[in-house]
Amino acid sequence: MISLGCSGEKSTPETQVTPKLSYDETTANKSEEPGNSKPAGTYLTPDFLDAVFHEDLAETDGVMFIDTSAVSEGYVAAAGTSQSRLKFQVIFGETKYNYDLPNDGTAKIFPLQSGDGYYSFRIMENIVDSKYALAFETGADVSLLSEFEPYLRPNIYVNYTESSQCVKKCSEFAAQSDSAPEIITLVYDYVCSSVSYDYEKAAGGLDMYEPDPDATLKSGKGICLDYASLAASMLRSQGIPTKLIFGYVAPDDLYHAWNMFYTEETGWVSVEFEINEKNWNRLDLTFSANGSDSTFIGNGTNYADVYQY
């Protein structure tokens, strides 16, 4: 059981930095006066990539289902029915990811974040207290279409559809942008200005849960997992590979969630961070929305990645 000690529980620097946008010359001239329409951009959004559970293609014992038909696209799907709690395990060598699986037959999508190779998939059934027994198992040799596949589609922690409000909002940003960095900049500014840190929720000592990006937008509040899930949902929907990462943040080793995105752009847009060419870049919207020091956010030595989705 994972407890989220998000950045809202950290003390912030005495000098607060308000998140702000600063564009290079190629983007600055696109700004319009209030009341004027934004010119159409040239960014071409790729086809929407969904993740679907195919019950007819799943391996099953009649009660438990594991669908490996789309593993090349970076995900596996599972569903099960039981009177007991269920867990789903994704195992790759010595790496093991454990997830809650609904026991009412609702299917869930799980990423294959360990790259190419052989994966084992297990549905575990609770027998007593915190002990689980194997209920159903299968495996698959995985050869991803690309290394980015797991980070371009919805999954259990980055849950959105083509009709999600957050996706529609990001589509608006894409329509006025010429490049992925411009979209990232607009998402950064939008999330930081639209979502406030929910200190009450953080103080509740919440265990791991499935965030709802649209609910976060509607309430205008959230903690680190909500920020990271929202940003990942928006960026993935526009074809920008984005990871949701859980790990620890110095100096207090608080458990925290943030994003990393990938771009092949040669230029850069500064939103208190620089987008590096052809590399994964760190994006921490929780600290940014709270006005924390951008040099802390951008310094990877303060972050220890543990899980990625």
Foldseek 3Di string as FASTA:
>chain_A
DAWFQAPVPPDFDPDFAAFDWDFDPVCVVQDDDPPDDGDFAAQDFDDFDEDDDDQVQFDDPVFKTKHPPVVLLFKIKIFGADPFWKWKWKDDPPDIDIDTHDNHGDMFIDGPLPAFAKIKMFIWGDDDDPDTDTDDIDIDGYHHPDNLSRQLYAGQQQDDDCPAPLQVVLVVQSRNYHFLQSSLSVLLVCLLVQADEDVVVSVVRDGDDHEDQSVRNVVSYDGQSNSASSSSNNSSRRVKRKKWFWFAFPDVRGIGIWMWTAGQDPAFIDRLETHHHGDIATGRSRCNSVRHRSVSRRDCVRTDTDDID
